[in-house]
């Protein structure tokens, strides 16, 4: 068996076996099994399967359920996956750094409740007031400017705060 204490040698150089690393452990929302909820809508959503270590699609009923529920596979992977999506080789470093929302970005879109009839309290970013404001989301057809918490909304859409040091008093 491989372990960190027993290095494996290839061409005379010691290297640790990758199998010596512990398997990722998923907790919190990511460890929950998906729940369709008691309502009868048919909304395709994504959940993280901690046993397979992958995001999988399921049909959500539109209300209830748990927090292991994402509108897109990418949201699921960014939250739960051990292999989070990263930028592709050759993509500029700026793609990895949070940028303020541009006019064409999802953060400039108006709130959109969608055609479904659920009633989820959500937040959208108002580009004019530069604030995250509450709205009611129907449960499907999100335009992307749709966040479960104000903090999540601000983190994604609000321009980064400029830090100014306080002057030292004598």
N, C-alpha and C. Protein backbone atom coordinates (compact mmCIF):
# COMPACT_ATOMS: atom_id res chain seq x y z
N UNK A 1 0.84 -1.19 0.00
CA UNK A 1 0.00 0.00 0.00
C UNK A 1 0.87 1.24 0.00
N UNK A 2 0.30 2.32 -0.52
CA UNK A 2 1.04 3.57 -0.59
C UNK A 2 0.73 4.42 0.62
N UNK A 3 1.72 5.09 1.13
CA UNK A 3 1.48 6.03 2.22
C UNK A 3 2.54 7.10 2.15
N UNK A 4 2.30 8.20 2.84
CA UNK A 4 3.26 9.30 2.84
C UNK A 4 4.58 8.88 3.47
N UNK A 5 4.54 7.89 4.36
CA UNK A 5 5.76 7.43 5.02
C UNK A 5 6.58 6.52 4.11
N UNK A 6 5.94 5.92 3.11
CA UNK A 6 6.63 5.01 2.21
C UNK A 6 6.65 5.60 0.81
N UNK A 7 7.67 6.39 0.48
CA UNK A 7 7.71 6.98 -0.86
C UNK A 7 7.92 5.90 -1.93
N UNK A 8 7.44 6.20 -3.11
CA UNK A 8 7.63 5.31 -4.26
C UNK A 8 8.72 5.93 -5.12
N UNK A 9 9.58 5.10 -5.70
CA UNK A 9 10.70 5.61 -6.48
C UNK A 9 10.49 5.34 -7.96
N UNK A 10 10.61 6.38 -8.76
CA UNK A 10 10.64 6.26 -10.21
C UNK A 10 11.94 6.88 -10.67
N UNK A 11 12.65 6.22 -11.51
CA UNK A 11 13.93 6.67 -12.07
C UNK A 11 14.84 7.27 -11.00
N UNK A 12 14.85 6.64 -9.83
CA UNK A 12 15.78 7.04 -8.79
C UNK A 12 15.35 8.23 -7.95
N UNK A 13 14.24 8.90 -8.29
CA UNK A 13 13.81 10.06 -7.51
C UNK A 13 12.60 9.70 -6.66
N UNK A 14 12.60 10.07 -5.37
CA UNK A 14 11.44 9.75 -4.53
C UNK A 14 10.24 10.63 -4.90
N UNK A 15 9.07 10.04 -4.98
CA UNK A 15 7.82 10.77 -5.22
C UNK A 15 6.74 10.11 -4.37
N UNK A 16 5.88 10.90 -3.82
CA UNK A 16 4.79 10.34 -3.03
C UNK A 16 3.67 9.90 -3.96
N UNK A 17 3.07 8.81 -3.64
CA UNK A 17 1.96 8.32 -4.46
C UNK A 17 0.74 9.19 -4.23
N UNK A 18 0.01 9.47 -5.31
CA UNK A 18 -1.20 10.27 -5.18
C UNK A 18 -2.24 9.59 -4.31
N UNK A 19 -2.24 8.27 -4.30
CA UNK A 19 -3.23 7.56 -3.49
C UNK A 19 -2.99 7.75 -2.00
N UNK A 20 -1.86 8.36 -1.64
CA UNK A 20 -1.58 8.62 -0.23
C UNK A 20 -2.44 9.77 0.30
N UNK A 21 -3.01 10.56 -0.63
CA UNK A 21 -3.82 11.69 -0.20
C UNK A 21 -5.19 11.20 0.24
N UNK A 22 -5.74 11.78 1.30
CA UNK A 22 -7.06 11.33 1.75
C UNK A 22 -8.13 11.71 0.74
N UNK A 23 -9.18 10.91 0.67
CA UNK A 23 -10.31 11.23 -0.20
C UNK A 23 -11.01 12.46 0.36
N UNK A 24 -11.56 13.32 -0.52
CA UNK A 24 -12.25 14.50 -0.01
C UNK A 24 -13.47 14.10 0.82
N UNK A 25 -13.74 14.88 1.84
CA UNK A 25 -14.90 14.64 2.69
C UNK A 25 -15.85 15.82 2.47
N UNK A 26 -17.10 15.53 2.16
CA UNK A 26 -18.08 16.57 1.90
C UNK A 26 -19.03 16.66 3.08
N UNK A 27 -19.26 17.86 3.56
CA UNK A 27 -20.15 18.04 4.69
C UNK A 27 -21.21 19.08 4.39
N UNK A 28 -21.98 19.41 5.40
CA UNK A 28 -23.00 20.45 5.25
C UNK A 28 -24.01 20.13 4.17
N UNK A 29 -24.39 21.17 3.42
CA UNK A 29 -25.39 21.02 2.37
C UNK A 29 -24.97 20.00 1.32
N UNK A 30 -23.69 19.94 1.02
CA UNK A 30 -23.19 19.07 -0.05
C UNK A 30 -23.33 17.59 0.29
N UNK A 31 -23.48 17.25 1.56
CA UNK A 31 -23.59 15.85 1.96
C UNK A 31 -25.05 15.36 1.95
N UNK A 32 -25.99 16.30 1.81
CA UNK A 32 -27.41 15.92 1.83
C UNK A 32 -27.82 15.27 0.51
N UNK A 33 -28.73 14.31 0.58
CA UNK A 33 -29.31 13.74 -0.64
C UNK A 33 -30.34 14.74 -1.17
N UNK A 34 -30.54 14.76 -2.48
CA UNK A 34 -31.50 15.72 -3.04
C UNK A 34 -32.91 15.43 -2.51
N UNK A 35 -33.71 16.49 -2.43
CA UNK A 35 -35.11 16.36 -2.02
C UNK A 35 -35.97 17.09 -3.04
N UNK A 36 -36.96 16.40 -3.60
CA UNK A 36 -37.83 17.03 -4.59
C UNK A 36 -38.79 18.02 -3.96
N UNK A 37 -39.11 17.86 -2.68
CA UNK A 37 -40.04 18.74 -2.00
C UNK A 37 -41.48 18.32 -2.24
N UNK A 38 -42.43 18.89 -1.48
CA UNK A 38 -43.82 18.46 -1.56
C UNK A 38 -44.62 19.03 -2.74
N UNK A 39 -44.13 20.09 -3.39
CA UNK A 39 -44.87 20.69 -4.50
C UNK A 39 -44.72 19.87 -5.77
N UNK A 40 -45.55 20.16 -6.75
CA UNK A 40 -45.63 19.31 -7.95
C UNK A 40 -45.10 19.97 -9.22
N UNK A 41 -44.33 21.04 -9.11
CA UNK A 41 -43.73 21.63 -10.30
C UNK A 41 -42.69 20.67 -10.88
N UNK A 42 -42.28 20.91 -12.09
CA UNK A 42 -41.24 20.10 -12.72
C UNK A 42 -40.12 21.06 -13.11
N UNK A 43 -39.16 21.19 -12.21
CA UNK A 43 -38.06 22.14 -12.40
C UNK A 43 -36.74 21.38 -12.39
N UNK A 44 -36.06 21.31 -13.54
CA UNK A 44 -34.76 20.64 -13.54
C UNK A 44 -33.76 21.43 -12.70
N UNK A 45 -33.12 20.76 -11.76
CA UNK A 45 -32.12 21.38 -10.88
C UNK A 45 -30.93 20.43 -10.78
N UNK A 46 -29.88 20.90 -10.10
CA UNK A 46 -28.67 20.10 -9.90
C UNK A 46 -28.44 19.90 -8.41
N UNK A 47 -27.91 18.75 -8.03
CA UNK A 47 -27.54 18.45 -6.65
C UNK A 47 -26.18 17.78 -6.67
N UNK A 48 -25.47 17.89 -5.53
CA UNK A 48 -24.16 17.25 -5.43
C UNK A 48 -24.32 15.90 -4.77
N UNK A 49 -23.90 14.85 -5.47
CA UNK A 49 -23.93 13.49 -4.96
C UNK A 49 -22.59 13.22 -4.29
N UNK A 50 -22.56 13.24 -2.96
CA UNK A 50 -21.31 13.07 -2.22
C UNK A 50 -20.70 11.69 -2.42
N UNK A 51 -21.52 10.69 -2.75
CA UNK A 51 -20.97 9.34 -2.97
C UNK A 51 -20.20 9.27 -4.28
N UNK A 52 -20.75 9.88 -5.34
CA UNK A 52 -20.06 9.84 -6.63
C UNK A 52 -19.08 11.00 -6.77
N UNK A 53 -19.24 12.04 -5.94
CA UNK A 53 -18.37 13.21 -6.02
C UNK A 53 -18.70 14.09 -7.22
N UNK A 54 -19.93 13.96 -7.77
CA UNK A 54 -20.30 14.71 -8.97
C UNK A 54 -21.64 15.40 -8.79
N UNK A 55 -21.85 16.45 -9.58
CA UNK A 55 -23.13 17.12 -9.61
C UNK A 55 -24.03 16.39 -10.60
N UNK A 56 -25.27 16.13 -10.17
CA UNK A 56 -26.22 15.38 -10.99
C UNK A 56 -27.54 16.13 -11.05
N UNK A 57 -28.27 15.92 -12.13
CA UNK A 57 -29.55 16.60 -12.30
C UNK A 57 -30.68 15.83 -11.62
N UNK A 58 -31.68 16.56 -11.13
CA UNK A 58 -32.89 15.95 -10.58
C UNK A 58 -34.06 16.89 -10.84
N UNK A 59 -35.27 16.41 -10.62
CA UNK A 59 -36.46 17.24 -10.81
C UNK A 59 -36.93 17.74 -9.45
N UNK A 60 -36.98 19.06 -9.32
CA UNK A 60 -37.41 19.72 -8.09
C UNK A 60 -38.88 20.11 -8.22
N UNK A 61 -39.63 19.94 -7.15
CA UNK A 61 -41.06 20.23 -7.15
C UNK A 61 -41.43 21.69 -7.01
N UNK A 62 -40.48 22.55 -6.63
CA UNK A 62 -40.75 23.98 -6.57
C UNK A 62 -40.86 24.57 -5.18
N UNK A 63 -40.93 23.73 -4.14
CA UNK A 63 -40.95 24.25 -2.77
C UNK A 63 -40.40 23.19 -1.83
N UNK A 64 -39.99 23.64 -0.64
CA UNK A 64 -39.42 22.71 0.33
C UNK A 64 -38.07 22.20 -0.14
N UNK A 65 -37.75 20.98 0.23
CA UNK A 65 -36.46 20.43 -0.14
C UNK A 65 -35.37 20.91 0.80
N UNK A 66 -34.12 20.79 0.36
CA UNK A 66 -33.00 21.22 1.18
C UNK A 66 -32.09 22.14 0.38
N UNK A 67 -30.95 22.48 0.95
CA UNK A 67 -30.04 23.43 0.32
C UNK A 67 -29.11 22.81 -0.71
N UNK A 68 -29.12 21.50 -0.86
CA UNK A 68 -28.29 20.86 -1.88
C UNK A 68 -29.08 20.88 -3.19
N UNK A 69 -29.24 22.11 -3.73
CA UNK A 69 -30.07 22.33 -4.91
C UNK A 69 -29.53 23.56 -5.63
N UNK A 70 -29.19 23.40 -6.91
CA UNK A 70 -28.57 24.48 -7.67
C UNK A 70 -29.22 24.59 -9.04
N UNK A 71 -29.33 25.81 -9.54
CA UNK A 71 -29.96 26.03 -10.84
C UNK A 71 -29.08 25.57 -11.99
N UNK A 72 -27.77 25.60 -11.82
CA UNK A 72 -26.87 25.18 -12.89
C UNK A 72 -25.84 24.19 -12.35
N UNK A 73 -25.30 23.41 -13.25
CA UNK A 73 -24.25 22.46 -12.88
C UNK A 73 -23.03 23.23 -12.36
N UNK A 74 -22.74 24.36 -12.99
CA UNK A 74 -21.58 25.16 -12.58
C UNK A 74 -21.74 25.66 -11.14
N UNK A 75 -22.95 26.14 -10.77
CA UNK A 75 -23.18 26.59 -9.39
C UNK A 75 -22.92 25.44 -8.42
N UNK A 76 -23.40 24.26 -8.78
CA UNK A 76 -23.21 23.08 -7.94
C UNK A 76 -21.72 22.77 -7.79
N UNK A 77 -21.00 22.77 -8.91
CA UNK A 77 -19.58 22.46 -8.88
C UNK A 77 -18.79 23.50 -8.10
N UNK A 78 -19.14 24.76 -8.25
CA UNK A 78 -18.43 25.82 -7.54
C UNK A 78 -18.64 25.71 -6.03
N UNK A 79 -19.79 25.21 -5.62
CA UNK A 79 -20.10 25.11 -4.20
C UNK A 79 -19.57 23.83 -3.57
N UNK A 80 -19.72 22.71 -4.26
CA UNK A 80 -19.49 21.42 -3.61
C UNK A 80 -18.36 20.56 -4.18
N UNK A 81 -18.08 20.65 -5.43
CA UNK A 81 -17.19 19.68 -6.05
C UNK A 81 -15.76 19.81 -5.57
N UNK A 82 -15.09 18.66 -5.42
CA UNK A 82 -13.66 18.67 -5.08
C UNK A 82 -12.87 19.17 -6.28
N UNK A 83 -13.43 19.01 -7.48
CA UNK A 83 -12.79 19.48 -8.70
C UNK A 83 -13.55 20.69 -9.20
N UNK A 84 -13.32 21.83 -8.55
CA UNK A 84 -14.03 23.04 -8.92
C UNK A 84 -13.57 23.48 -10.31
N UNK A 85 -14.50 24.02 -11.13
CA UNK A 85 -14.10 24.49 -12.45
C UNK A 85 -13.07 25.60 -12.33
N UNK A 86 -12.09 25.56 -13.19
CA UNK A 86 -11.07 26.61 -13.22
C UNK A 86 -10.98 27.14 -14.64
N UNK A 87 -10.22 28.21 -14.83
CA UNK A 87 -10.09 28.74 -16.17
C UNK A 87 -9.27 27.77 -17.02
N UNK A 88 -9.50 27.83 -18.31
CA UNK A 88 -8.81 26.94 -19.23
C UNK A 88 -7.39 27.43 -19.47
N UNK A 89 -6.46 26.53 -19.84
CA UNK A 89 -5.10 26.98 -20.15
C UNK A 89 -5.15 28.05 -21.24
N UNK A 90 -4.36 29.07 -21.07
CA UNK A 90 -4.32 30.15 -22.04
C UNK A 90 -5.30 31.27 -21.73
N UNK A 91 -6.23 31.03 -20.81
CA UNK A 91 -7.17 32.07 -20.41
C UNK A 91 -6.42 33.08 -19.55
N UNK A 92 -6.68 34.37 -19.71
CA UNK A 92 -5.93 35.35 -18.92
C UNK A 92 -6.21 35.23 -17.43
N UNK A 93 -5.23 35.62 -16.63
CA UNK A 93 -5.35 35.56 -15.18
C UNK A 93 -6.54 36.37 -14.69
N UNK A 94 -6.88 37.45 -15.41
CA UNK A 94 -8.00 38.29 -15.00
C UNK A 94 -9.29 37.49 -14.90
N UNK A 95 -9.40 36.40 -15.66
CA UNK A 95 -10.61 35.59 -15.63
C UNK A 95 -10.80 34.93 -14.26
N UNK A 96 -9.71 34.76 -13.52
CA UNK A 96 -9.79 34.13 -12.20
C UNK A 96 -10.08 35.13 -11.09
N UNK A 97 -9.92 36.41 -11.37
CA UNK A 97 -10.06 37.44 -10.36
C UNK A 97 -11.45 38.07 -10.48
N UNK A 98 -12.12 38.25 -9.36
CA UNK A 98 -13.46 38.85 -9.38
C UNK A 98 -13.38 40.25 -9.96
N UNK A 99 -14.23 40.53 -10.93
CA UNK A 99 -14.28 41.83 -11.56
C UNK A 99 -15.62 42.49 -11.22
N UNK A 100 -15.66 43.82 -11.16
CA UNK A 100 -16.95 44.46 -10.96
C UNK A 100 -17.88 44.13 -12.13
N UNK A 101 -19.17 44.10 -11.88
CA UNK A 101 -20.13 43.77 -12.93
C UNK A 101 -20.10 44.82 -14.03
N UNK A 102 -20.08 44.37 -15.29
CA UNK A 102 -20.14 45.29 -16.42
C UNK A 102 -21.60 45.48 -16.80
N UNK A 103 -21.86 46.44 -17.67
CA UNK A 103 -23.23 46.73 -18.10
C UNK A 103 -23.85 45.50 -18.75
N UNK A 104 -23.03 44.73 -19.49
CA UNK A 104 -23.54 43.56 -20.20
C UNK A 104 -23.66 42.33 -19.30
N UNK A 105 -23.19 42.43 -18.10
CA UNK A 105 -23.16 41.29 -17.20
C UNK A 105 -24.55 41.00 -16.64
N UNK A 106 -24.73 39.81 -16.08
CA UNK A 106 -26.02 39.44 -15.50
C UNK A 106 -26.44 40.38 -14.38
N UNK A 107 -25.49 41.01 -13.73
CA UNK A 107 -25.81 41.87 -12.60
C UNK A 107 -26.54 43.14 -13.02
N UNK A 108 -26.57 43.43 -14.31
CA UNK A 108 -27.31 44.61 -14.77
C UNK A 108 -28.72 44.25 -15.23
N UNK A 109 -29.08 42.97 -15.18
CA UNK A 109 -30.42 42.55 -15.60
C UNK A 109 -31.44 42.86 -14.53
N UNK A 110 -32.69 43.13 -14.94
CA UNK A 110 -33.74 43.43 -13.95
C UNK A 110 -34.14 42.16 -13.20
N UNK A 111 -34.82 42.31 -12.06
CA UNK A 111 -35.29 41.10 -11.37
C UNK A 111 -36.29 40.37 -12.27
N UNK A 112 -36.24 39.05 -12.24
CA UNK A 112 -37.12 38.25 -13.10
C UNK A 112 -37.70 37.12 -12.27
N UNK A 113 -39.01 37.19 -12.01
CA UNK A 113 -39.68 36.16 -11.21
C UNK A 113 -39.82 34.86 -11.96
N UNK A 114 -39.92 34.90 -13.29
CA UNK A 114 -40.09 33.70 -14.09
C UNK A 114 -41.54 33.25 -14.13
N UNK A 115 -41.85 32.27 -14.99
CA UNK A 115 -43.24 31.84 -15.18
C UNK A 115 -43.77 30.87 -14.12
N UNK A 116 -42.90 30.28 -13.32
CA UNK A 116 -43.37 29.31 -12.32
C UNK A 116 -44.01 30.03 -11.14
N UNK A 117 -44.78 29.29 -10.37
CA UNK A 117 -45.63 29.89 -9.35
C UNK A 117 -45.15 29.69 -7.91
N UNK A 118 -43.91 29.27 -7.72
CA UNK A 118 -43.38 29.17 -6.35
C UNK A 118 -43.17 30.58 -5.81
N UNK A 119 -42.75 30.70 -4.59
CA UNK A 119 -42.57 32.01 -3.98
C UNK A 119 -41.32 31.99 -3.11
N UNK A 120 -40.15 32.14 -3.77
CA UNK A 120 -38.88 32.10 -3.06
C UNK A 120 -38.37 33.52 -2.84
N UNK A 121 -38.09 33.90 -1.59
CA UNK A 121 -37.46 35.20 -1.38
C UNK A 121 -36.02 35.15 -1.90
N UNK A 122 -35.68 36.08 -2.76
CA UNK A 122 -34.34 36.15 -3.35
C UNK A 122 -33.88 37.60 -3.38
N UNK A 123 -32.64 37.79 -3.84
CA UNK A 123 -32.07 39.12 -4.00
C UNK A 123 -31.55 39.27 -5.41
N UNK A 124 -31.67 40.49 -5.94
CA UNK A 124 -31.09 40.83 -7.24
C UNK A 124 -30.26 42.08 -7.06
N UNK A 125 -29.30 42.28 -7.96
CA UNK A 125 -28.45 43.46 -7.89
C UNK A 125 -29.05 44.55 -8.76
N UNK A 126 -29.30 45.71 -8.17
CA UNK A 126 -29.79 46.87 -8.90
C UNK A 126 -28.57 47.71 -9.27
N UNK A 127 -28.21 47.71 -10.56
CA UNK A 127 -26.99 48.38 -11.01
C UNK A 127 -27.08 49.90 -10.84
N UNK A 128 -28.30 50.46 -10.87
CA UNK A 128 -28.43 51.91 -10.71
C UNK A 128 -28.15 52.35 -9.28
N UNK A 129 -28.72 51.64 -8.32
CA UNK A 129 -28.52 52.02 -6.92
C UNK A 129 -27.29 51.35 -6.30
N UNK A 130 -26.72 50.38 -7.04
CA UNK A 130 -25.56 49.61 -6.58
C UNK A 130 -25.86 48.91 -5.24
N UNK A 131 -27.08 48.35 -5.16
CA UNK A 131 -27.51 47.63 -3.97
C UNK A 131 -28.14 46.30 -4.36
N UNK A 132 -28.14 45.37 -3.44
CA UNK A 132 -28.88 44.12 -3.62
C UNK A 132 -30.23 44.31 -2.95
N UNK A 133 -31.28 44.04 -3.70
CA UNK A 133 -32.64 44.27 -3.22
C UNK A 133 -33.44 42.98 -3.27
N UNK A 134 -34.44 42.84 -2.38
CA UNK A 134 -35.24 41.61 -2.37
C UNK A 134 -36.26 41.58 -3.51
N UNK A 135 -36.59 40.37 -3.94
CA UNK A 135 -37.70 40.14 -4.88
C UNK A 135 -38.18 38.71 -4.68
N UNK A 136 -39.31 38.38 -5.27
CA UNK A 136 -39.87 37.03 -5.16
C UNK A 136 -39.63 36.30 -6.47
N UNK A 137 -38.99 35.14 -6.36
CA UNK A 137 -38.66 34.31 -7.52
C UNK A 137 -39.64 33.15 -7.59
N UNK A 138 -40.16 32.88 -8.78
CA UNK A 138 -41.16 31.84 -8.98
C UNK A 138 -40.62 30.42 -9.02
N UNK A 139 -39.30 30.25 -9.16
CA UNK A 139 -38.72 28.91 -9.10
C UNK A 139 -38.13 28.39 -10.39
N UNK A 140 -38.33 29.09 -11.52
CA UNK A 140 -37.71 28.63 -12.77
C UNK A 140 -37.47 29.81 -13.71
N UNK A 141 -36.63 29.58 -14.69
CA UNK A 141 -36.30 30.59 -15.71
C UNK A 141 -35.56 31.79 -15.14
N UNK A 142 -34.58 31.56 -14.32
CA UNK A 142 -33.79 32.65 -13.76
C UNK A 142 -32.97 33.32 -14.86
N UNK A 143 -32.77 34.63 -14.75
CA UNK A 143 -31.91 35.32 -15.71
C UNK A 143 -30.49 35.47 -15.17
N UNK A 144 -30.20 34.86 -14.04
CA UNK A 144 -28.86 34.90 -13.46
C UNK A 144 -28.71 35.92 -12.35
N UNK A 145 -29.46 37.02 -12.41
CA UNK A 145 -29.40 38.04 -11.37
C UNK A 145 -30.39 37.63 -10.28
N UNK A 146 -30.03 36.57 -9.56
CA UNK A 146 -30.94 35.89 -8.65
C UNK A 146 -30.09 35.18 -7.60
N UNK A 147 -30.14 35.67 -6.36
CA UNK A 147 -29.26 35.15 -5.32
C UNK A 147 -30.07 34.79 -4.07
N UNK A 148 -29.68 33.70 -3.41
CA UNK A 148 -30.39 33.25 -2.21
C UNK A 148 -30.15 34.16 -1.02
N UNK A 149 -28.99 34.81 -0.97
CA UNK A 149 -28.70 35.70 0.16
C UNK A 149 -28.18 37.04 -0.34
N UNK A 150 -28.34 38.06 0.48
CA UNK A 150 -27.80 39.37 0.13
C UNK A 150 -26.28 39.30 0.04
N UNK A 151 -25.68 38.55 0.94
CA UNK A 151 -24.22 38.43 0.94
C UNK A 151 -23.72 37.84 -0.38
N UNK A 152 -24.39 36.80 -0.86
CA UNK A 152 -24.02 36.17 -2.12
C UNK A 152 -24.15 37.18 -3.27
N UNK A 153 -25.23 37.94 -3.26
CA UNK A 153 -25.47 38.96 -4.27
C UNK A 153 -24.37 40.01 -4.26
N UNK A 154 -24.04 40.51 -3.09
CA UNK A 154 -23.00 41.54 -2.98
C UNK A 154 -21.64 41.01 -3.40
N UNK A 155 -21.35 39.77 -3.02
CA UNK A 155 -20.06 39.18 -3.36
C UNK A 155 -19.89 39.07 -4.87
N UNK A 156 -20.96 38.71 -5.57
CA UNK A 156 -20.87 38.51 -7.02
C UNK A 156 -20.95 39.82 -7.78
N UNK A 157 -21.86 40.70 -7.39
CA UNK A 157 -22.18 41.86 -8.22
C UNK A 157 -21.66 43.21 -7.76
N UNK A 158 -21.53 43.43 -6.46
CA UNK A 158 -21.15 44.76 -5.99
C UNK A 158 -19.70 45.05 -6.32
N UNK A 159 -19.41 46.30 -6.67
CA UNK A 159 -18.00 46.64 -6.92
C UNK A 159 -17.19 46.46 -5.64
N UNK A 160 -15.93 46.05 -5.79
CA UNK A 160 -15.12 45.86 -4.58
C UNK A 160 -14.96 47.17 -3.82
N UNK A 161 -15.01 47.07 -2.50
CA UNK A 161 -14.85 48.27 -1.67
C UNK A 161 -13.42 48.75 -1.75
N UNK A 162 -13.27 50.03 -1.78
CA UNK A 162 -11.91 50.58 -1.79
C UNK A 162 -11.50 50.80 -0.35
N UNK A 163 -10.34 50.31 -0.02
CA UNK A 163 -9.84 50.40 1.35
C UNK A 163 -8.94 51.60 1.45
N UNK A 164 -9.21 52.45 2.42
CA UNK A 164 -8.37 53.62 2.66
C UNK A 164 -7.91 53.56 4.11
N UNK A 165 -6.61 53.56 4.33
CA UNK A 165 -6.13 53.50 5.72
C UNK A 165 -6.47 54.78 6.47
N UNK A 166 -6.76 54.63 7.73
CA UNK A 166 -7.02 55.79 8.59
C UNK A 166 -5.70 56.49 8.87
N UNK A 167 -5.70 57.83 8.86
CA UNK A 167 -4.45 58.53 9.20
C UNK A 167 -4.10 58.30 10.67
N UNK A 168 -2.83 58.20 10.93
CA UNK A 168 -2.36 58.02 12.30
C UNK A 168 -2.42 59.35 13.03
N UNK A 169 -2.98 59.33 14.22
CA UNK A 169 -3.05 60.55 15.02
C UNK A 169 -1.83 60.60 15.94
N UNK A 170 -1.28 61.80 16.12
CA UNK A 170 -0.09 61.91 17.00
C UNK A 170 -0.41 61.64 18.45
